[in-house]
């Protein structure tokens, strides 16, 4: 075996690695995404080596300059990936040695690929997590702006997917605004476990050098140092926590998309998506399909599946590093990309859709959405016990169904046959769609006053979120 054929780790090996070993072991086809973080971590490590006397200032300068050049080569696609070099970390180290010879070989002093890789992944999660937080902020801002414009639009609120009560469209939009605030906070919490220094743990027992881990922590902008070198290289809790948060976010994303699919259908028709965000059919000329929403609904299953993949992979592993852990990155990278494009797609749909108030009104009337208001009128104004009021209104609705009419067009004589209180303007006010929403005066409710209040609180929430995004 020639020197050129040897691996960076191949000192004790006499035979060339087999083809299947190289093909099953390579990860550069996907972990090349870590190149920025690997170079970031390597520069910090080199500075620490100079601080403890392993590198001279001149050698550090050579390494920093060469790593910056390698980063440019990677970004411009000038560095060829080779399966025999296995991963992005060895590609960068090999190229560094090509550029500066023996000095490049010094970089891996006091470092194992085990602590190097887990540190790169933590940095990657931190960097990408911040981008996801920015996307959540942008989506929440779009929901807020749409809610302001939708304050006086009355739409059906549903339970069991049946028309329940009239609500302001702003109430509906803000319901997702607050769900996304929880996602935002969950991701911020999850990122804390990635803000930890594992570098310095070595392969698993620590290293034979007086590494300055406090220096490394500050160089990399991290908040804490792992206490135990075995745990430092073995833990993937930072990935699990991130994927838990990403899964919750994608569940919300999927439910938003399910609403969009339903509400834009012919049967509901209370909102319309622009042509630019829909597709047609190859055979049916009339079709306008909500493909973005359907695809995001489907993609949510991938993120949940990625979390399950990591859980199952970890559950039976013995202590410290095992090669199985290489498989963590595919799930992580896929989830990050899926979350980002999904948030972008939902934001585009929210900004682009228009409400169809006349369809919303028809659904509310045909669904007897103000039946509860009518019962509350009997309780509050006529002092009838609620259960009696509930039965009277239920009887009235039954007559409407039998005659194929609504509470609005049933004759007064038919109404009076159920109760003398179902007559005149008091009855009309009791079943009014426009007045119904404003009767919901409890905190968090759908009355105009409460919605204006909620919009102010939402704006403050956005301002607070923006502070830590800057």
Protein backbone atom coordinates (compact mmCIF):
# COMPACT_ATOMS: atom_id res chain seq x y z
CA UNK A 1 0.00 0.00 0.00
CA UNK A 2 1.51 3.34 -1.08
CA UNK A 3 1.69 6.36 1.18
CA UNK A 4 -0.87 8.09 -1.03
CA UNK A 5 -3.33 5.22 -0.55
CA UNK A 6 -3.08 5.38 3.23
CA UNK A 7 -5.83 6.95 5.30
CA UNK A 8 -5.01 9.72 7.73
CA UNK A 9 -5.74 7.09 10.37
CA UNK A 10 -4.02 4.24 8.50
CA UNK A 11 -0.66 3.94 10.25
CA UNK A 12 -1.21 0.41 11.55
CA UNK A 13 -2.99 -0.94 8.46
CA UNK A 14 -1.19 -2.99 5.79
CA UNK A 15 -4.07 -3.47 3.34
CA UNK A 16 -5.92 -0.93 1.27
CA UNK A 17 -9.51 -0.24 2.39
CA UNK A 18 -12.06 -2.27 0.43
CA UNK A 19 -14.54 -0.64 -1.88
CA UNK A 20 -17.53 -1.49 0.32
CA UNK A 21 -15.79 -0.04 3.39
CA UNK A 22 -15.25 3.22 1.56
CA UNK A 23 -18.72 3.33 0.06
CA UNK A 24 -20.60 2.52 3.27
CA UNK A 25 -18.31 4.64 5.40
CA UNK A 26 -18.19 7.84 3.38
CA UNK A 27 -20.25 10.76 4.61
CA UNK A 28 -18.83 13.69 2.65
CA UNK A 29 -21.79 13.40 0.26
CA UNK A 30 -23.91 14.93 3.02
CA UNK A 31 -21.68 16.19 5.82
CA UNK A 32 -20.02 18.69 3.47
CA UNK A 33 -22.74 21.00 4.82
CA UNK A 34 -20.62 21.27 7.99
CA UNK A 35 -17.65 22.90 6.24
CA UNK A 36 -18.21 26.37 7.71
CA UNK A 37 -18.54 25.02 11.23
CA UNK A 38 -15.56 22.70 10.79
CA UNK A 39 -13.37 25.60 9.71
CA UNK A 40 -14.77 27.79 12.49
CA UNK A 41 -13.95 25.10 15.07
CA UNK A 42 -10.53 24.41 13.55
CA UNK A 43 -9.50 28.06 13.70
CA UNK A 44 -10.55 28.25 17.35
CA UNK A 45 -8.66 25.02 18.06
CA UNK A 46 -5.55 26.32 16.29
CA UNK A 47 -5.64 29.52 18.33
CA UNK A 48 -5.88 27.45 21.50
CA UNK A 49 -2.89 25.31 20.37
CA UNK A 50 -0.87 28.47 19.86
CA UNK A 51 -1.92 29.71 23.28
CA UNK A 52 -0.61 26.55 24.99
CA UNK A 53 2.61 26.48 22.96
CA UNK A 54 1.91 23.72 20.40
CA UNK A 55 1.90 26.16 17.48
CA UNK A 56 3.99 29.24 16.86
CA UNK A 57 2.38 32.51 15.83
CA UNK A 58 3.69 31.99 12.31
CA UNK A 59 2.22 28.49 12.12
CA UNK A 60 -1.12 29.77 13.41
CA UNK A 61 -1.12 32.47 10.76
CA UNK A 62 -0.39 29.87 8.06
CA UNK A 63 -3.22 27.65 9.29
CA UNK A 64 -5.76 30.49 9.53
CA UNK A 65 -4.88 31.82 6.08
CA UNK A 66 -5.04 28.35 4.52
CA UNK A 67 -8.35 27.47 6.21
CA UNK A 68 -9.84 30.69 4.85
CA UNK A 69 -8.61 29.72 1.38
CA UNK A 70 -10.13 26.24 1.74
CA UNK A 71 -13.45 27.78 2.74
CA UNK A 72 -13.39 29.87 -0.45
CA UNK A 73 -12.51 26.79 -2.52
CA UNK A 74 -15.44 24.90 -1.01
CA UNK A 75 -17.87 27.76 -1.57
CA UNK A 76 -16.75 28.07 -5.21
CA UNK A 77 -16.91 24.31 -5.79
CA UNK A 78 -13.19 24.02 -6.51
CA UNK A 79 -12.43 21.29 -3.96
CA UNK A 80 -13.17 17.83 -5.30
CA UNK A 81 -14.82 15.40 -2.90
CA UNK A 82 -13.27 11.92 -2.76
CA UNK A 83 -14.92 8.95 -1.07
CA UNK A 84 -11.58 7.66 0.17
CA UNK A 85 -11.27 10.78 2.34
CA UNK A 86 -14.56 9.80 3.98
CA UNK A 87 -15.87 13.08 5.41
CA UNK A 88 -15.61 16.84 5.18
CA UNK A 89 -13.27 16.97 8.18
CA UNK A 90 -10.63 14.80 6.51
CA UNK A 91 -11.05 16.68 3.22
CA UNK A 92 -10.25 19.95 4.95
CA UNK A 93 -7.30 18.49 6.90
CA UNK A 94 -5.92 16.78 3.79
CA UNK A 95 -6.16 19.98 1.75
CA UNK A 96 -4.56 21.95 4.58
CA UNK A 97 -1.60 19.54 4.56
CA UNK A 98 -1.32 19.91 0.78
CA UNK A 99 -1.10 23.67 1.20
CA UNK A 100 1.29 24.01 4.16
CA UNK A 101 2.83 20.57 4.66
CA UNK A 102 3.95 19.51 8.13
CA UNK A 103 2.36 22.54 9.78
CA UNK A 104 -1.03 21.37 8.59
CA UNK A 105 -0.48 18.00 10.27
CA UNK A 106 -0.16 19.75 13.64
CA UNK A 107 -3.76 20.98 13.62
CA UNK A 108 -5.22 17.70 14.84
CA UNK A 109 -3.07 17.73 17.98
CA UNK A 110 -5.24 17.35 21.12
CA UNK A 111 -8.32 16.65 19.03
CA UNK A 112 -10.20 13.56 17.89
CA UNK A 113 -12.71 13.34 15.09
CA UNK A 114 -15.15 12.34 17.82
CA UNK A 115 -15.09 15.68 19.64
CA UNK A 116 -14.44 17.58 16.41
CA UNK A 117 -17.55 16.24 14.68
CA UNK A 118 -19.93 16.62 17.60
CA UNK A 119 -18.73 20.20 18.04
CA UNK A 120 -19.29 20.96 14.36
CA UNK A 121 -22.84 19.61 14.58
CA UNK A 122 -23.58 21.71 17.66
CA UNK A 123 -22.33 24.82 15.88
CA UNK A 124 -24.39 23.89 12.82
CA UNK A 125 -27.56 23.55 14.90
CA UNK A 126 -26.89 26.93 16.51
CA UNK A 127 -26.34 28.64 13.16
CA UNK A 128 -29.28 27.01 11.40
CA UNK A 129 -31.50 27.33 14.47
CA UNK A 130 -31.05 31.09 14.38
CA UNK A 131 -32.14 31.10 10.74
CA UNK A 132 -35.23 29.06 11.62
CA UNK A 133 -36.05 31.47 14.44
CA UNK A 134 -35.83 34.32 11.92
CA UNK A 135 -38.23 32.45 9.61
CA UNK A 136 -40.68 31.86 12.47
CA UNK A 137 -40.50 35.55 13.32
CA UNK A 138 -41.23 36.47 9.70
CA UNK A 139 -44.18 34.08 9.59
CA UNK A 140 -45.58 35.40 12.87
CA UNK A 141 -45.22 38.94 11.54
CA UNK A 142 -47.19 37.98 8.42
CA UNK A 143 -49.91 36.45 10.58
CA UNK A 144 -50.04 39.63 12.65
CA UNK A 145 -50.33 41.86 9.57
CA UNK A 146 -53.01 39.63 8.05
CA UNK A 147 -54.90 39.62 11.35
CA UNK A 148 -54.93 43.43 11.43
CA UNK A 149 -56.45 43.48 7.94
CA UNK A 150 -58.95 40.74 8.88
CA UNK A 151 -60.31 42.33 12.04
CA UNK A 152 -63.77 42.94 10.59
CA UNK A 153 -64.04 39.74 8.56
CA UNK A 154 -66.44 37.25 10.19
CA UNK A 155 -65.82 33.58 9.42
CA UNK A 156 -67.03 30.28 10.89
CA UNK A 157 -65.19 28.79 13.81
CA UNK A 158 -65.29 25.00 13.74
CA UNK A 159 -65.38 22.18 16.26
CA UNK A 160 -65.50 18.57 15.03
CA UNK A 161 -65.10 20.23 11.59
CA UNK A 162 -68.71 21.42 11.91
CA UNK A 163 -69.72 25.06 12.01
CA UNK A 164 -69.64 26.12 15.65
CA UNK A 165 -69.71 29.90 16.21
CA UNK A 166 -68.91 33.11 14.33
CA UNK A 167 -65.40 34.42 14.92
CA UNK A 168 -63.34 37.28 13.62
CA UNK A 169 -60.80 36.11 11.06
CA UNK A 170 -58.16 37.87 13.15
CA UNK A 171 -58.96 35.47 15.99
CA UNK A 172 -58.25 32.52 13.74
CA UNK A 173 -54.97 33.95 12.44
CA UNK A 174 -53.76 34.89 15.89
CA UNK A 175 -54.44 31.38 17.15
CA UNK A 176 -51.55 30.24 14.93
CA UNK A 177 -49.50 33.30 15.89
CA UNK A 178 -49.49 32.14 19.52
CA UNK A 179 -48.84 28.51 18.63
CA UNK A 180 -45.78 29.65 16.69
CA UNK A 181 -44.63 31.70 19.66
CA UNK A 182 -44.48 28.45 21.65
CA UNK A 183 -42.51 26.84 18.83
CA UNK A 184 -40.15 29.79 18.84
CA UNK A 185 -39.55 29.46 22.58
CA UNK A 186 -39.17 25.68 22.33
CA UNK A 187 -36.48 26.04 19.67
CA UNK A 188 -34.70 28.71 21.70
CA UNK A 189 -34.69 26.31 24.63
CA UNK A 190 -33.46 23.43 22.46
CA UNK A 191 -30.58 25.52 21.15
CA UNK A 192 -29.22 25.89 24.67
CA UNK A 193 -28.04 22.27 24.67
CA UNK A 194 -26.06 22.93 21.47
CA UNK A 195 -24.32 25.93 23.03
CA UNK A 196 -21.91 23.60 24.80
CA UNK A 197 -18.21 22.96 24.23
CA UNK A 198 -17.44 19.30 23.54
CA UNK A 199 -14.08 20.06 21.91
CA UNK A 200 -11.31 18.99 24.25
CA UNK A 201 -12.99 15.69 25.07
CA UNK A 202 -10.72 13.84 22.64
CA UNK A 203 -11.83 10.38 21.58
CA UNK A 204 -13.68 9.92 24.89
CA UNK A 205 -11.23 10.12 27.82
CA UNK A 206 -9.86 13.64 27.38
CA UNK A 207 -6.47 14.55 25.85
CA UNK A 208 -2.84 14.52 27.01
CA UNK A 209 -2.46 18.27 26.64
CA UNK A 210 -3.36 21.20 28.90
CA UNK A 211 -6.10 22.39 26.56
CA UNK A 212 -7.72 25.66 27.52
CA UNK A 213 -11.38 24.78 27.14
CA UNK A 214 -12.53 28.08 28.65
CA UNK A 215 -10.62 29.84 25.86
CA UNK A 216 -12.31 27.59 23.26
CA UNK A 217 -15.73 28.28 24.75
CA UNK A 218 -15.23 32.04 24.40
CA UNK A 219 -13.73 31.75 20.91
CA UNK A 220 -16.77 29.83 19.70
CA UNK A 221 -19.30 31.99 21.57
CA UNK A 222 -20.69 29.09 23.59
CA UNK A 223 -22.35 29.27 26.99
CA UNK A 224 -20.99 26.18 28.78
CA UNK A 225 -18.43 23.37 28.75
CA UNK A 226 -19.26 19.67 28.87
CA UNK A 227 -18.33 18.30 32.29
CA UNK A 228 -17.50 14.76 31.21
CA UNK A 229 -15.45 13.78 28.16
CA UNK A 230 -17.32 10.49 27.67
CA UNK A 231 -20.66 12.28 27.71
CA UNK A 232 -19.22 15.05 25.54
CA UNK A 233 -18.54 12.75 22.57
CA UNK A 234 -21.49 10.39 23.06
CA UNK A 235 -24.43 12.67 23.71
CA UNK A 236 -26.82 13.49 20.92
CA UNK A 237 -29.34 15.12 23.23
CA UNK A 238 -28.76 18.41 21.41
CA UNK A 239 -30.00 16.81 18.19
CA UNK A 240 -32.93 15.14 19.92
CA UNK A 241 -34.08 18.35 21.57
CA UNK A 242 -33.82 20.26 18.32
CA UNK A 243 -35.79 17.59 16.45
CA UNK A 244 -38.44 17.48 19.20
CA UNK A 245 -38.92 21.22 18.73
CA UNK A 246 -38.85 20.92 14.95
CA UNK A 247 -41.47 18.16 15.07
CA UNK A 248 -43.82 20.27 17.17
CA UNK A 249 -43.32 23.15 14.75
CA UNK A 250 -44.09 20.92 11.77
CA UNK A 251 -47.21 19.54 13.44
CA UNK A 252 -48.48 23.11 13.67
CA UNK A 253 -47.38 23.73 10.09
CA UNK A 254 -49.27 20.64 8.93
CA UNK A 255 -52.44 21.69 10.74
CA UNK A 256 -52.29 25.19 9.25
CA UNK A 257 -51.95 23.60 5.82
CA UNK A 258 -54.85 21.25 6.48
CA UNK A 259 -57.01 24.29 7.24
CA UNK A 260 -55.85 26.02 4.05
CA UNK A 261 -56.65 22.91 1.99
CA UNK A 262 -60.13 22.63 3.51
CA UNK A 263 -61.01 26.33 3.60
CA UNK A 264 -60.01 26.83 -0.05
CA UNK A 265 -62.01 23.83 -1.26
CA UNK A 266 -65.24 24.18 -3.21
CA UNK A 267 -67.25 22.89 -0.26
CA UNK A 268 -65.88 25.47 2.20
CA UNK A 269 -64.70 28.24 -0.10
CA UNK A 270 -64.06 30.81 2.63
CA UNK A 271 -60.62 31.70 1.28
CA UNK A 272 -58.92 31.78 -2.10
CA UNK A 273 -55.26 31.18 -2.87
CA UNK A 274 -53.62 33.14 -5.69
CA UNK A 275 -52.92 31.34 -8.96
CA UNK A 276 -49.18 31.73 -8.36
CA UNK A 277 -49.37 29.42 -5.34
CA UNK A 278 -51.55 26.70 -6.87
CA UNK A 279 -51.33 24.18 -9.70
CA UNK A 280 -53.68 22.80 -12.31
CA UNK A 281 -54.49 19.33 -13.54
CA UNK A 282 -53.10 17.62 -16.62
CA UNK A 283 -56.58 16.34 -17.48
CA UNK A 284 -59.14 18.51 -15.65
CA UNK A 285 -59.03 22.13 -16.87
CA UNK A 286 -61.06 23.50 -13.96
CA UNK A 287 -58.73 22.35 -11.19
CA UNK A 288 -56.84 24.70 -8.85
CA UNK A 289 -54.88 22.59 -6.42
CA UNK A 290 -53.28 23.76 -3.13
CA UNK A 291 -50.06 21.84 -3.77
CA UNK A 292 -47.83 23.86 -1.43
CA UNK A 293 -50.11 23.15 1.51
CA UNK A 294 -50.36 19.47 0.63
CA UNK A 295 -46.60 19.10 0.25
CA UNK A 296 -45.91 20.77 3.59
CA UNK A 297 -48.52 18.53 5.21
CA UNK A 298 -46.62 15.58 3.77
CA UNK A 299 -43.20 16.92 4.73
CA UNK A 300 -44.22 17.13 8.38
CA UNK A 301 -44.16 13.33 8.49
CA UNK A 302 -40.52 13.34 7.37
CA UNK A 303 -39.44 15.53 10.27
CA UNK A 304 -41.36 13.40 12.77
CA UNK A 305 -39.82 10.32 11.16
CA UNK A 306 -36.33 11.83 11.47
CA UNK A 307 -36.86 12.29 15.20
CA UNK A 308 -37.96 8.67 15.47
CA UNK A 309 -34.89 7.60 13.49
CA UNK A 310 -32.53 9.24 16.01
CA UNK A 311 -34.48 7.88 18.99
CA UNK A 312 -34.32 4.31 17.69
CA UNK A 313 -30.65 4.66 16.67
CA UNK A 314 -29.62 5.84 20.13
CA UNK A 315 -31.64 3.52 22.32
CA UNK A 316 -29.30 0.52 22.15
CA UNK A 317 -25.86 2.12 21.79
CA UNK A 318 -23.16 1.36 24.36
CA UNK A 319 -21.25 4.20 26.00
CA UNK A 320 -19.26 6.88 24.15
CA UNK A 321 -18.73 7.03 20.40
CA UNK A 322 -20.04 4.43 17.95
CA UNK A 323 -20.01 4.75 14.17
CA UNK A 324 -23.80 4.49 14.13
CA UNK A 325 -23.75 8.14 15.19
CA UNK A 326 -22.64 9.15 11.71
CA UNK A 327 -26.25 8.57 10.68
CA UNK A 328 -27.48 11.43 12.87
CA UNK A 329 -26.62 14.07 10.29
CA UNK A 330 -28.88 12.90 7.48
CA UNK A 331 -31.92 13.22 9.74
CA UNK A 332 -30.78 16.57 11.09
CA UNK A 333 -29.94 18.13 7.73
CA UNK A 334 -33.16 16.94 6.14
CA UNK A 335 -35.25 18.29 9.01
CA UNK A 336 -33.61 21.71 8.91
CA UNK A 337 -34.13 22.05 5.15
CA UNK A 338 -37.72 20.81 5.43
CA UNK A 339 -38.60 23.23 8.23
CA UNK A 340 -37.11 26.19 6.38
CA UNK A 341 -38.92 25.63 3.09
CA UNK A 342 -42.18 24.81 4.91
CA UNK A 343 -42.15 28.08 6.86
CA UNK A 344 -41.45 29.97 3.65
CA UNK A 345 -44.33 28.24 1.88
CA UNK A 346 -46.84 28.94 4.66
CA UNK A 347 -45.82 32.58 4.82
CA UNK A 348 -46.39 32.96 1.08
CA UNK A 349 -49.87 31.42 1.33
CA UNK A 350 -50.90 33.55 4.30
CA UNK A 351 -49.78 36.73 2.61
CA UNK A 352 -51.44 35.73 -0.66
CA UNK A 353 -54.85 34.40 0.27
CA UNK A 354 -58.03 36.48 0.30
CA UNK A 355 -61.13 35.87 2.37
CA UNK A 356 -64.51 35.23 0.73
CA UNK A 357 -66.95 36.84 3.23
CA UNK A 358 -70.11 35.87 1.36
CA UNK A 359 -69.21 32.18 1.51
CA UNK A 360 -68.33 32.54 5.17
CA UNK A 361 -71.72 34.15 5.86
CA UNK A 362 -73.57 31.40 4.02
CA UNK A 363 -71.75 28.72 6.02
CA UNK A 364 -72.53 30.48 9.27
CA UNK A 365 -76.22 30.77 8.45
CA UNK A 366 -76.57 27.24 7.13
CA UNK A 367 -74.66 25.93 10.12
CA UNK A 368 -76.90 27.71 12.67
CA UNK A 369 -73.78 29.33 14.13
CA UNK A 370 -75.68 31.70 16.41
CA UNK A 371 -77.87 29.06 18.06
CA UNK A 372 -75.86 29.38 21.28
CA UNK A 373 -76.32 33.16 21.21
CA UNK A 374 -80.07 32.62 20.97
CA UNK A 375 -79.99 30.30 23.98
CA UNK A 376 -77.89 32.83 25.93
CA UNK A 377 -80.47 35.52 25.05
CA UNK A 378 -83.22 33.40 26.65
CA UNK A 379 -81.07 32.92 29.75
CA UNK A 380 -79.92 36.54 30.14
CA UNK A 381 -83.00 38.44 29.00
CA UNK A 382 -85.87 36.06 29.69
CA UNK A 383 -84.40 34.35 32.77
CA UNK A 384 -85.04 30.88 31.38
CA UNK A 385 -82.78 28.09 32.74
CA UNK A 386 -80.00 27.23 30.29
CA UNK A 387 -81.06 23.61 29.82
CA UNK A 388 -84.61 24.73 28.96
CA UNK A 389 -83.24 27.39 26.61
CA UNK A 390 -80.97 24.79 25.00
CA UNK A 391 -83.97 22.51 24.33
CA UNK A 392 -86.12 25.33 22.90
CA UNK A 393 -83.37 26.42 20.49
CA UNK A 394 -82.68 22.82 19.54
CA UNK A 395 -86.35 22.38 18.67
CA UNK A 396 -86.23 25.53 16.56
CA UNK A 397 -83.17 24.29 14.69
CA UNK A 398 -84.97 21.00 14.05
CA UNK A 399 -87.84 22.86 12.37
CA UNK A 400 -85.32 24.81 10.25
CA UNK A 401 -83.68 21.59 9.10
CA UNK A 402 -87.05 20.06 8.29
CA UNK A 403 -88.07 23.10 6.23
CA UNK A 404 -84.57 23.59 4.75
CA UNK A 405 -84.35 27.07 6.20
CA UNK A 406 -82.06 28.97 8.55
CA UNK A 407 -82.63 30.91 11.77
CA UNK A 408 -82.75 34.01 9.57
CA UNK A 409 -85.46 33.07 7.07
CA UNK A 410 -87.76 30.86 9.17
CA UNK A 411 -91.16 32.54 9.46
CA UNK A 412 -92.01 34.34 12.69
CA UNK A 413 -95.14 32.22 13.13
CA UNK A 414 -93.04 29.04 13.08
CA UNK A 415 -90.64 30.57 15.59
CA UNK A 416 -93.44 31.61 17.94
CA UNK A 417 -94.87 28.08 17.79
CA UNK A 418 -91.77 27.01 19.73
CA UNK A 419 -91.56 30.02 22.07
CA UNK A 420 -93.20 33.42 22.31
CA UNK A 421 -89.71 34.85 22.90
CA UNK A 422 -88.66 34.05 19.33
CA UNK A 423 -90.27 37.15 17.87
CA UNK A 424 -89.36 40.70 16.90
CA UNK A 425 -86.11 42.63 16.95
CA UNK A 426 -84.81 40.97 20.11
CA UNK A 427 -84.77 37.66 18.28
CA UNK A 428 -83.06 39.22 15.24
CA UNK A 429 -80.35 40.76 17.43
CA UNK A 430 -79.90 37.47 19.25
CA UNK A 431 -79.09 35.56 16.05
CA UNK A 432 -77.17 38.39 14.33
CA UNK A 433 -73.83 37.22 12.91
CA UNK A 434 -72.24 40.65 13.25
CA UNK A 435 -73.24 41.00 16.89
CA UNK A 436 -72.36 37.44 17.87
CA UNK A 437 -68.59 37.85 17.79
CA UNK A 438 -68.73 40.98 19.93
CA UNK A 439 -70.61 39.15 22.66
CA UNK A 440 -67.48 37.06 23.33
CA UNK A 441 -66.01 39.55 25.77
CA UNK A 442 -63.82 37.25 27.90
CA UNK A 443 -60.05 37.75 27.75
CA UNK A 444 -58.68 36.08 24.63
CA UNK A 445 -62.11 36.08 23.00
CA UNK A 446 -63.21 37.13 19.54
CA UNK A 447 -64.97 40.44 20.28
CA UNK A 448 -63.52 43.44 18.48
CA UNK A 449 -62.31 44.98 21.74
CA UNK A 450 -60.54 41.78 22.77
CA UNK A 451 -59.05 41.37 19.30
CA UNK A 452 -57.66 44.89 19.36
CA UNK A 453 -56.22 44.09 22.76
CA UNK A 454 -54.73 40.84 21.45
CA UNK A 455 -53.16 42.61 18.47
CA UNK A 456 -51.37 45.00 20.83
CA UNK A 457 -50.03 42.10 22.88
CA UNK A 458 -48.99 40.32 19.68
CA UNK A 459 -47.07 43.38 18.53
CA UNK A 460 -45.21 43.52 21.85
CA UNK A 461 -44.39 39.81 21.47
CA UNK A 462 -42.89 40.52 18.04
CA UNK A 463 -40.83 43.42 19.36
CA UNK A 464 -39.47 41.21 22.15
CA UNK A 465 -38.59 38.44 19.69
CA UNK A 466 -36.85 40.89 17.40
CA UNK A 467 -34.49 41.98 20.17
CA UNK A 468 -32.73 38.65 20.40
CA UNK A 469 -32.75 38.15 16.63
CA UNK A 470 -30.63 41.25 16.07
